[in-house]
Amino acid sequence: MSIHENLLGGPAPTHLPDEPGREALAAGTPAVEVAAAHPSSSLAWATLADEAFAADRTVESYAYARTGYHRGLDALRRAGWKGHGPVPWEHEPNRGFLRALHALARAAEAIGEKEEYERCSTFLRDSSPTAADTLA
């Protein structure tokens, strides 16, 4: 038996391919430039959401986070995800999506969108308890 075998019978963890633009972000390229060059990058949109939120531009943060979240859902579906199951934080390419989901929950809470906050928070914890704890 493999140490990583899912004994509960649920779906296998989804592992996204490497994020386009991840290396550029790591090298210090501004997130706005990375998002323009790689609009499918959840990581770039999540970074923009974090920057906007830190600057008290909450609605802008919400919009960036929603874009990163939807780009991440597209990538998850292409990777075989069926709408549920683990998206492990430990797999670095998953972090862009998970960060965007966290940023969307955070911004939704800040603008008083309680149902969206709760839905996104639950989705994050169900996808990756480690991400939920790390990003909290």
C-alpha atoms as a PDB file:
ATOM      1  CA  MET A   1       0.000   0.000   0.000  1.00  0.00           C
ATOM      2  CA  SER A   2       1.266   3.461  -0.900  1.00  0.00           C
ATOM      3  CA  ILE A   3       1.703   5.968   1.915  1.00  0.00           C
ATOM      4  CA  HIS A   4      -0.290   8.460  -0.184  1.00  0.00           C
ATOM      5  CA  GLU A   5      -3.188   6.107  -0.938  1.00  0.00           C
ATOM      6  CA  ASN A   6      -6.595   7.616  -0.215  1.00  0.00           C
ATOM      7  CA  LEU A   7      -8.222   5.162   2.211  1.00  0.00           C
ATOM      8  CA  LEU A   8     -11.511   7.074   2.354  1.00  0.00           C
ATOM      9  CA  GLY A   9     -12.378   6.385  -1.266  1.00  0.00           C
ATOM     10  CA  GLY A  10     -12.646  10.046  -2.223  1.00  0.00           C
ATOM     11  CA  PRO A  11     -11.110  11.664  -5.265  1.00  0.00           C
ATOM     12  CA  ALA A  12      -7.354  11.763  -5.619  1.00  0.00           C
ATOM     13  CA  PRO A  13      -5.635  15.087  -4.888  1.00  0.00           C
ATOM     14  CA  THR A  14      -5.477  17.475  -7.817  1.00  0.00           C
ATOM     15  CA  HIS A  15      -2.016  18.710  -8.753  1.00  0.00           C
ATOM     16  CA  LEU A  16      -1.955  21.669 -11.110  1.00  0.00           C
ATOM     17  CA  PRO A  17       0.861  22.194 -13.591  1.00  0.00           C
ATOM     18  CA  ASP A  18       3.385  24.925 -12.840  1.00  0.00           C
ATOM     19  CA  GLU A  19       1.925  28.428 -12.815  1.00  0.00           C
ATOM     20  CA  PRO A  20       2.724  30.580 -15.833  1.00  0.00           C
ATOM     21  CA  GLY A  21       4.606  33.597 -14.571  1.00  0.00           C
ATOM     22  CA  ARG A  22       5.621  32.044 -11.230  1.00  0.00           C
ATOM     23  CA  GLU A  23       9.305  32.492 -11.999  1.00  0.00           C
ATOM     24  CA  ALA A  24       8.765  36.091 -13.113  1.00  0.00           C
ATOM     25  CA  LEU A  25       6.958  36.890  -9.845  1.00  0.00           C
ATOM     26  CA  ALA A  26       9.720  35.196  -7.862  1.00  0.00           C
ATOM     27  CA  ALA A  27      12.282  37.309  -9.742  1.00  0.00           C
ATOM     28  CA  GLY A  28      10.477  40.499  -8.722  1.00  0.00           C
ATOM     29  CA  THR A  29       8.499  41.302 -11.857  1.00  0.00           C
ATOM     30  CA  PRO A  30       5.470  43.388 -10.807  1.00  0.00           C
ATOM     31  CA  ALA A  31       2.307  41.300 -10.534  1.00  0.00           C
ATOM     32  CA  VAL A  32       0.445  43.651 -12.879  1.00  0.00           C
ATOM     33  CA  GLU A  33       2.983  42.892 -15.618  1.00  0.00           C
ATOM     34  CA  VAL A  34       2.806  39.147 -14.948  1.00  0.00           C
ATOM     35  CA  ALA A  35      -1.018  39.160 -15.033  1.00  0.00           C
ATOM     36  CA  ALA A  36      -0.953  41.043 -18.334  1.00  0.00           C
ATOM     37  CA  ALA A  37       1.559  38.610 -19.840  1.00  0.00           C
ATOM     38  CA  HIS A  38      -0.026  35.487 -18.267  1.00  0.00           C
ATOM     39  CA  PRO A  39      -3.729  36.196 -17.658  1.00  0.00           C
ATOM     40  CA  SER A  40      -4.354  32.541 -16.771  1.00  0.00           C
ATOM     41  CA  SER A  41      -2.041  32.804 -13.739  1.00  0.00           C
ATOM     42  CA  SER A  42      -4.034  32.531 -10.518  1.00  0.00           C
ATOM     43  CA  LEU A  43      -0.868  33.382  -8.648  1.00  0.00           C
ATOM     44  CA  ALA A  44      -0.507  36.743 -10.419  1.00  0.00           C
ATOM     45  CA  TRP A  45      -4.150  37.642  -9.705  1.00  0.00           C
ATOM     46  CA  ALA A  46      -3.845  36.494  -6.079  1.00  0.00           C
ATOM     47  CA  THR A  47      -0.746  38.661  -5.692  1.00  0.00           C
ATOM     48  CA  LEU A  48      -2.629  41.652  -7.115  1.00  0.00           C
ATOM     49  CA  ALA A  49      -5.506  40.922  -4.715  1.00  0.00           C
ATOM     50  CA  ASP A  50      -3.107  40.857  -1.760  1.00  0.00           C
ATOM     51  CA  GLU A  51      -1.459  44.108  -2.840  1.00  0.00           C
ATOM     52  CA  ALA A  52      -4.817  45.866  -3.289  1.00  0.00           C
ATOM     53  CA  PHE A  53      -6.128  44.587   0.054  1.00  0.00           C
ATOM     54  CA  ALA A  54      -2.985  45.783   1.850  1.00  0.00           C
ATOM     55  CA  ALA A  55      -3.551  49.233   0.315  1.00  0.00           C
ATOM     56  CA  ASP A  56      -7.206  49.349   1.519  1.00  0.00           C
ATOM     57  CA  ARG A  57      -8.546  48.934  -2.032  1.00  0.00           C
ATOM     58  CA  THR A  58     -10.984  46.209  -0.988  1.00  0.00           C
ATOM     59  CA  VAL A  59     -13.285  46.217  -4.013  1.00  0.00           C
ATOM     60  CA  GLU A  60     -10.272  46.077  -6.327  1.00  0.00           C
ATOM     61  CA  SER A  61      -8.897  43.199  -4.238  1.00  0.00           C
ATOM     62  CA  TYR A  62     -12.233  41.392  -4.575  1.00  0.00           C
ATOM     63  CA  ALA A  63     -12.159  41.773  -8.366  1.00  0.00           C
ATOM     64  CA  TYR A  64      -8.574  40.537  -8.659  1.00  0.00           C
ATOM     65  CA  ALA A  65      -9.293  37.605  -6.333  1.00  0.00           C
ATOM     66  CA  ARG A  66     -12.415  36.623  -8.262  1.00  0.00           C
ATOM     67  CA  THR A  67     -10.415  36.622 -11.504  1.00  0.00           C
ATOM     68  CA  GLY A  68      -7.694  34.437  -9.953  1.00  0.00           C
ATOM     69  CA  TYR A  69     -10.307  32.119  -8.480  1.00  0.00           C
ATOM     70  CA  HIS A  70     -12.037  31.590 -11.831  1.00  0.00           C
ATOM     71  CA  ARG A  71      -8.730  31.118 -13.656  1.00  0.00           C
ATOM     72  CA  GLY A  72      -7.858  28.539 -11.010  1.00  0.00           C
ATOM     73  CA  LEU A  73     -11.172  26.709 -11.433  1.00  0.00           C
ATOM     74  CA  ASP A  74     -10.460  26.502 -15.166  1.00  0.00           C
ATOM     75  CA  ALA A  75      -7.010  25.045 -14.467  1.00  0.00           C
ATOM     76  CA  LEU A  76      -8.401  22.566 -11.923  1.00  0.00           C
ATOM     77  CA  ARG A  77     -10.986  21.313 -14.395  1.00  0.00           C
ATOM     78  CA  ARG A  78      -8.318  20.889 -17.072  1.00  0.00           C
ATOM     79  CA  ALA A  79      -6.318  18.867 -14.526  1.00  0.00           C
ATOM     80  CA  GLY A  80      -9.242  16.459 -14.019  1.00  0.00           C
ATOM     81  CA  TRP A  81     -10.846  17.960 -10.911  1.00  0.00           C
ATOM     82  CA  LYS A  82     -14.575  17.145 -10.758  1.00  0.00           C
ATOM     83  CA  GLY A  83     -15.761  19.889  -8.419  1.00  0.00           C
ATOM     84  CA  HIS A  84     -14.528  18.466  -5.125  1.00  0.00           C
ATOM     85  CA  GLY A  85     -11.569  16.784  -3.547  1.00  0.00           C
ATOM     86  CA  PRO A  86      -8.198  17.796  -2.179  1.00  0.00           C
ATOM     87  CA  VAL A  87      -6.110  20.546  -3.752  1.00  0.00           C
ATOM     88  CA  PRO A  88      -3.004  20.258  -1.566  1.00  0.00           C
ATOM     89  CA  TRP A  89      -1.114  23.383  -0.497  1.00  0.00           C
ATOM     90  CA  GLU A  90       1.997  21.235  -0.368  1.00  0.00           C
ATOM     91  CA  HIS A  91       2.004  21.090  -4.191  1.00  0.00           C
ATOM     92  CA  GLU A  92       3.372  24.570  -4.955  1.00  0.00           C
ATOM     93  CA  PRO A  93       1.548  25.098  -8.295  1.00  0.00           C
ATOM     94  CA  ASN A  94      -1.778  24.785  -6.383  1.00  0.00           C
ATOM     95  CA  ARG A  95      -0.934  27.774  -4.223  1.00  0.00           C
ATOM     96  CA  GLY A  96      -2.022  30.425  -6.718  1.00  0.00           C
ATOM     97  CA  PHE A  97      -5.570  29.063  -6.771  1.00  0.00           C
ATOM     98  CA  LEU A  98      -5.659  28.564  -3.012  1.00  0.00           C
ATOM     99  CA  ARG A  99      -4.337  32.083  -2.385  1.00  0.00           C
ATOM    100  CA  ALA A 100      -6.935  33.533  -4.761  1.00  0.00           C
ATOM    101  CA  LEU A 101      -9.690  31.604  -2.969  1.00  0.00           C
ATOM    102  CA  HIS A 102      -8.469  32.904   0.390  1.00  0.00           C
ATOM    103  CA  ALA A 103      -8.246  36.462  -0.973  1.00  0.00           C
ATOM    104  CA  LEU A 104     -11.792  36.202  -2.318  1.00  0.00           C
ATOM    105  CA  ALA A 105     -13.087  35.064   1.084  1.00  0.00           C
ATOM    106  CA  ARG A 106     -11.178  37.860   2.831  1.00  0.00           C
ATOM    107  CA  ALA A 107     -12.452  40.581   0.501  1.00  0.00           C
ATOM    108  CA  ALA A 108     -16.018  39.211   0.587  1.00  0.00           C
ATOM    109  CA  GLU A 109     -15.966  39.390   4.370  1.00  0.00           C
ATOM    110  CA  ALA A 110     -14.616  42.956   4.238  1.00  0.00           C
ATOM    111  CA  ILE A 111     -17.460  44.154   2.000  1.00  0.00           C
ATOM    112  CA  GLY A 112     -20.102  42.336   4.038  1.00  0.00           C
ATOM    113  CA  GLU A 113     -20.842  39.558   1.583  1.00  0.00           C
ATOM    114  CA  LYS A 114     -21.334  36.938   4.295  1.00  0.00           C
ATOM    115  CA  GLU A 115     -22.556  34.043   2.126  1.00  0.00           C
ATOM    116  CA  GLU A 116     -19.617  34.414  -0.282  1.00  0.00           C
ATOM    117  CA  TYR A 117     -17.197  34.614   2.641  1.00  0.00           C
ATOM    118  CA  GLU A 118     -18.605  31.443   4.200  1.00  0.00           C
ATOM    119  CA  ARG A 119     -18.722  29.553   0.887  1.00  0.00           C
ATOM    120  CA  CYS A 120     -15.131  30.454   0.000  1.00  0.00           C
ATOM    121  CA  SER A 121     -13.835  29.778   3.525  1.00  0.00           C
ATOM    122  CA  THR A 122     -15.462  26.348   3.552  1.00  0.00           C
ATOM    123  CA  PHE A 123     -14.209  25.606   0.033  1.00  0.00           C
ATOM    124  CA  LEU A 124     -10.660  26.566   1.067  1.00  0.00           C
ATOM    125  CA  ARG A 125     -10.715  24.386   4.191  1.00  0.00           C
ATOM    126  CA  ASP A 126     -12.259  21.452   2.279  1.00  0.00           C
ATOM    127  CA  SER A 127      -9.652  21.794  -0.476  1.00  0.00           C
ATOM    128  CA  SER A 128      -6.632  22.178   1.796  1.00  0.00           C
ATOM    129  CA  PRO A 129      -6.751  22.456   5.581  1.00  0.00           C
ATOM    130  CA  THR A 130      -3.056  23.343   5.429  1.00  0.00           C
ATOM    131  CA  ALA A 131      -3.774  26.296   3.116  1.00  0.00           C
ATOM    132  CA  ALA A 132      -6.621  27.473   5.333  1.00  0.00           C
ATOM    133  CA  ASP A 133      -4.343  27.389   8.386  1.00  0.00           C
ATOM    134  CA  THR A 134      -1.332  28.877   6.594  1.00  0.00           C
ATOM    135  CA  LEU A 135      -3.249  31.761   5.025  1.00  0.00           C
ATOM    136  CA  ALA A 136      -5.370  32.574   8.094  1.00  0.00           C
END
